[in-house]
C-alpha atoms as a PDB file:
ATOM      1  CA  ARG A   1     -85.607  -1.855  12.123  1.00  0.00           C
ATOM      2  CA  CYS A   2     -88.892  -0.041  12.321  1.00  0.00           C
ATOM      3  CA  ALA A   3     -91.682   0.609   9.865  1.00  0.00           C
ATOM      4  CA  LEU A   4     -92.510   4.263   9.364  1.00  0.00           C
ATOM      5  CA  PRO A   5     -95.693   5.546   7.776  1.00  0.00           C
ATOM      6  CA  ALA A   6     -95.428   7.119   4.329  1.00  0.00           C
ATOM      7  CA  ALA A   7     -94.881  10.871   4.227  1.00  0.00           C
ATOM      8  CA  THR A   8     -98.149  12.734   3.758  1.00  0.00           C
ATOM      9  CA  GLY A   9     -96.890  16.053   2.470  1.00  0.00           C
ATOM     10  CA  GLU A  10     -94.170  18.639   2.631  1.00  0.00           C
ATOM     11  CA  VAL A  11     -91.943  18.645   5.684  1.00  0.00           C
ATOM     12  CA  TYR A  12     -91.309  22.396   5.482  1.00  0.00           C
ATOM     13  CA  ARG A  13     -93.616  25.320   4.646  1.00  0.00           C
ATOM     14  CA  ARG A  14     -92.956  27.652   1.731  1.00  0.00           C
ATOM     15  CA  GLY A  15     -92.110  31.016   3.274  1.00  0.00           C
ATOM     16  CA  GLY A  16     -91.846  29.472   6.740  1.00  0.00           C
ATOM     17  CA  VAL A  17     -89.636  30.755   9.542  1.00  0.00           C
ATOM     18  CA  TYR A  18     -87.030  28.332  10.893  1.00  0.00           C
ATOM     19  CA  VAL A  19     -84.759  28.855  13.905  1.00  0.00           C
ATOM     20  CA  LEU A  20     -81.549  26.830  13.989  1.00  0.00           C
ATOM     21  CA  ILE A  21     -79.352  26.682  17.057  1.00  0.00           C
ATOM     22  CA  GLY A  22     -75.772  26.637  15.806  1.00  0.00           C
ATOM     23  CA  GLY A  23     -77.096  27.151  12.287  1.00  0.00           C
ATOM     24  CA  ALA A  24     -74.005  28.983  11.034  1.00  0.00           C
ATOM     25  CA  GLY A  25     -71.983  25.758  11.320  1.00  0.00           C
ATOM     26  CA  GLY A  26     -71.470  23.267   8.493  1.00  0.00           C
ATOM     27  CA  VAL A  27     -74.648  21.192   8.813  1.00  0.00           C
ATOM     28  CA  GLY A  28     -76.729  24.279   9.583  1.00  0.00           C
ATOM     29  CA  GLU A  29     -75.354  26.033   6.514  1.00  0.00           C
ATOM     30  CA  VAL A  30     -76.359  23.148   4.245  1.00  0.00           C
ATOM     31  CA  LEU A  31     -79.844  22.905   5.771  1.00  0.00           C
ATOM     32  CA  SER A  32     -80.240  26.682   5.586  1.00  0.00           C
ATOM     33  CA  GLU A  33     -79.322  26.734   1.910  1.00  0.00           C
ATOM     34  CA  HIS A  34     -81.903  24.026   1.242  1.00  0.00           C
ATOM     35  CA  LEU A  35     -84.597  25.914   3.155  1.00  0.00           C
ATOM     36  CA  VAL A  36     -83.847  29.253   1.470  1.00  0.00           C
ATOM     37  CA  ARG A  37     -83.526  27.846  -2.059  1.00  0.00           C
ATOM     38  CA  THR A  38     -86.376  25.353  -1.982  1.00  0.00           C
ATOM     39  CA  TYR A  39     -88.902  26.981   0.337  1.00  0.00           C
ATOM     40  CA  ALA A  40     -87.990  30.701   0.282  1.00  0.00           C
ATOM     41  CA  ALA A  41     -87.768  30.286   4.053  1.00  0.00           C
ATOM     42  CA  GLN A  42     -86.621  32.857   6.572  1.00  0.00           C
ATOM     43  CA  VAL A  43     -83.821  31.236   8.537  1.00  0.00           C
ATOM     44  CA  ILE A  44     -82.677  32.548  11.904  1.00  0.00           C
ATOM     45  CA  TRP A  45     -79.413  31.275  13.319  1.00  0.00           C
ATOM     46  CA  LEU A  46     -78.738  31.321  17.042  1.00  0.00           C
ATOM     47  CA  GLY A  47     -75.128  31.116  18.163  1.00  0.00           C
ATOM     48  CA  ARG A  48     -72.968  31.930  21.157  1.00  0.00           C
ATOM     49  CA  ARG A  49     -70.443  34.155  19.425  1.00  0.00           C
ATOM     50  CA  ALA A  50     -71.018  37.600  17.979  1.00  0.00           C
ATOM     51  CA  ALA A  51     -71.624  37.801  14.255  1.00  0.00           C
ATOM     52  CA  ASP A  52     -68.340  38.002  12.373  1.00  0.00           C
ATOM     53  CA  GLU A  53     -67.177  38.330   8.769  1.00  0.00           C
ATOM     54  CA  ARG A  54     -67.650  34.611   8.114  1.00  0.00           C
ATOM     55  CA  ILE A  55     -71.252  34.653   9.320  1.00  0.00           C
ATOM     56  CA  GLU A  56     -71.988  37.861   7.412  1.00  0.00           C
ATOM     57  CA  GLY A  57     -70.514  36.257   4.288  1.00  0.00           C
ATOM     58  CA  LEU A  58     -72.704  33.180   4.694  1.00  0.00           C
ATOM     59  CA  CYS A  59     -75.794  35.359   5.141  1.00  0.00           C
ATOM     60  CA  ALA A  60     -74.909  37.355   2.027  1.00  0.00           C
ATOM     61  CA  ARG A  61     -74.281  34.191  -0.009  1.00  0.00           C
ATOM     62  CA  LEU A  62     -77.574  32.584   0.974  1.00  0.00           C
ATOM     63  CA  SER A  63     -79.516  35.790   0.351  1.00  0.00           C
ATOM     64  CA  GLN A  64     -78.923  35.428  -3.387  1.00  0.00           C
ATOM     65  CA  TRP A  65     -81.572  32.671  -3.417  1.00  0.00           C
ATOM     66  CA  GLY A  66     -84.142  34.073  -0.997  1.00  0.00           C
ATOM     67  CA  PRO A  67     -84.547  35.825   2.337  1.00  0.00           C
ATOM     68  CA  ARG A  68     -81.276  36.736   4.028  1.00  0.00           C
ATOM     69  CA  PRO A  69     -80.702  34.617   7.136  1.00  0.00           C
ATOM     70  CA  ALA A  70     -80.654  36.506  10.419  1.00  0.00           C
ATOM     71  CA  TYR A  71     -78.103  35.820  13.132  1.00  0.00           C
ATOM     72  CA  ILE A  72     -78.740  36.356  16.836  1.00  0.00           C
ATOM     73  CA  ALA A  73     -75.999  35.914  19.422  1.00  0.00           C
ATOM     74  CA  VAL A  74     -77.406  34.040  22.409  1.00  0.00           C
ATOM     75  CA  ASP A  75     -76.312  31.222  24.699  1.00  0.00           C
ATOM     76  CA  ALA A  76     -78.835  28.423  24.141  1.00  0.00           C
ATOM     77  CA  ARG A  77     -78.128  27.113  27.656  1.00  0.00           C
ATOM     78  CA  ASP A  78     -79.730  30.254  29.103  1.00  0.00           C
ATOM     79  CA  ALA A  79     -83.497  29.629  29.214  1.00  0.00           C
ATOM     80  CA  ALA A  80     -84.348  33.257  29.992  1.00  0.00           C
ATOM     81  CA  ALA A  81     -82.230  34.509  27.095  1.00  0.00           C
ATOM     82  CA  LEU A  82     -83.864  31.997  24.730  1.00  0.00           C
ATOM     83  CA  SER A  83     -87.297  33.087  25.888  1.00  0.00           C
ATOM     84  CA  SER A  84     -86.399  36.693  25.148  1.00  0.00           C
ATOM     85  CA  VAL A  85     -85.049  35.766  21.699  1.00  0.00           C
ATOM     86  CA  ARG A  86     -88.206  33.780  20.986  1.00  0.00           C
ATOM     87  CA  ALA A  87     -90.343  36.836  21.783  1.00  0.00           C
ATOM     88  CA  GLN A  88     -88.112  38.948  19.512  1.00  0.00           C
ATOM     89  CA  ILE A  89     -88.444  36.448  16.639  1.00  0.00           C
ATOM     90  CA  VAL A  90     -92.224  36.148  17.001  1.00  0.00           C
ATOM     91  CA  SER A  91     -92.557  39.930  17.098  1.00  0.00           C
ATOM     92  CA  GLN A  92     -90.418  40.425  13.988  1.00  0.00           C
ATOM     93  CA  TYR A  93     -91.364  37.407  11.866  1.00  0.00           C
ATOM     94  CA  GLY A  94     -94.731  36.274  13.196  1.00  0.00           C
END
Protein backbone atom coordinates (compact mmCIF):
# COMPACT_ATOMS: atom_id res chain seq x y z
CA ARG A 1 0.00 0.00 0.00
CA CYS A 2 1.07 3.56 -0.57
CA ALA A 3 -0.42 6.92 0.30
CA LEU A 4 -0.96 9.20 -2.67
CA PRO A 5 -1.56 12.93 -2.42
CA ALA A 6 -5.04 14.21 -3.26
CA ALA A 7 -5.64 15.21 -6.86
CA THR A 8 -5.21 18.95 -7.35
CA GLY A 9 -7.12 19.47 -10.56
CA GLU A 10 -8.06 18.03 -13.90
CA VAL A 11 -5.89 15.27 -15.30
CA TYR A 12 -6.62 16.23 -18.91
CA ARG A 13 -6.93 19.62 -20.63
CA ARG A 14 -10.10 20.71 -22.40
CA GLY A 15 -9.21 20.87 -26.09
CA GLY A 16 -5.89 19.13 -25.47
CA VAL A 17 -4.06 16.95 -27.97
CA TYR A 18 -3.40 13.35 -26.93
CA VAL A 19 -1.32 10.77 -28.80
CA LEU A 20 -2.08 7.12 -28.07
CA ILE A 21 0.13 4.32 -29.31
CA GLY A 22 -2.19 1.47 -30.25
CA GLY A 23 -5.13 3.76 -29.55
CA ALA A 24 -7.46 2.07 -32.04
CA GLY A 25 -7.55 -1.05 -29.84
CA GLY A 26 -10.16 -1.74 -27.17
CA VAL A 27 -8.66 0.18 -24.23
CA GLY A 28 -7.55 3.02 -26.50
CA GLU A 29 -11.04 3.29 -27.96
CA VAL A 30 -12.60 3.64 -24.51
CA LEU A 31 -10.03 6.22 -23.39
CA SER A 32 -10.42 8.10 -26.68
CA GLU A 33 -14.18 8.26 -26.30
CA HIS A 34 -13.75 9.66 -22.79
CA LEU A 35 -11.26 12.28 -23.98
CA VAL A 36 -13.39 13.36 -26.96
CA ARG A 37 -16.69 13.44 -25.06
CA THR A 38 -15.49 14.97 -21.81
CA TYR A 39 -12.65 17.23 -22.90
CA ALA A 40 -13.32 17.89 -26.61
CA ALA A 41 -9.79 16.55 -27.08
CA GLN A 42 -8.01 15.88 -30.34
CA VAL A 43 -6.90 12.27 -30.22
CA ILE A 44 -4.20 10.89 -32.50
CA TRP A 45 -3.79 7.14 -32.74
CA LEU A 46 -0.49 5.59 -33.77
CA GLY A 47 -0.57 2.03 -35.06
CA ARG A 48 1.50 -0.34 -37.15
CA ARG A 49 -1.13 -1.25 -39.71
CA ALA A 50 -2.62 0.98 -42.38
CA ALA A 51 -5.96 2.56 -41.60
CA ASP A 52 -8.80 0.23 -42.54
CA GLU A 53 -12.60 0.27 -42.51
CA ARG A 54 -12.74 -0.59 -38.80
CA ILE A 55 -10.46 2.29 -37.84
CA GLU A 56 -12.31 4.69 -40.14
CA GLY A 57 -15.59 3.58 -38.55
CA LEU A 58 -14.23 4.21 -35.05
CA CYS A 59 -13.02 7.67 -36.08
CA ALA A 60 -16.42 8.48 -37.58
CA ARG A 61 -18.26 7.22 -34.48
CA LEU A 62 -16.14 9.25 -32.07
CA SER A 63 -16.40 12.37 -34.22
CA GLN A 64 -20.09 12.68 -33.33
CA TRP A 65 -19.03 13.95 -29.89
CA GLY A 66 -16.05 16.14 -30.77
CA PRO A 67 -12.93 16.31 -32.92
CA ARG A 68 -12.46 13.34 -35.22
CA PRO A 69 -9.51 11.19 -34.11
CA ALA A 70 -6.60 11.03 -36.52
CA TYR A 71 -4.79 7.81 -37.32
CA ILE A 72 -1.14 7.61 -38.34
CA ALA A 73 0.47 4.35 -39.41
CA VAL A 74 3.91 4.08 -37.81
CA ASP A 75 5.97 1.42 -36.07
CA ALA A 76 6.50 2.70 -32.52
CA ARG A 77 9.70 0.65 -32.28
CA ASP A 78 11.30 2.91 -34.90
CA ALA A 79 12.66 5.97 -33.05
CA ALA A 80 13.34 7.93 -36.23
CA ALA A 81 9.82 7.30 -37.53
CA LEU A 82 8.33 8.38 -34.18
CA SER A 83 10.42 11.54 -34.23
CA SER A 84 9.11 12.34 -37.69
CA VAL A 85 5.51 11.69 -36.61
CA ARG A 86 6.02 13.89 -33.56
CA ALA A 87 7.18 16.76 -35.78
CA GLN A 88 4.14 16.20 -38.03
CA ILE A 89 1.75 16.27 -35.04
CA VAL A 90 3.32 19.40 -33.53
CA SER A 91 3.18 21.14 -36.90
CA GLN A 92 -0.48 20.26 -37.47
CA TYR A 93 -1.91 20.47 -33.94
CA GLY A 94 0.52 22.65 -32.01
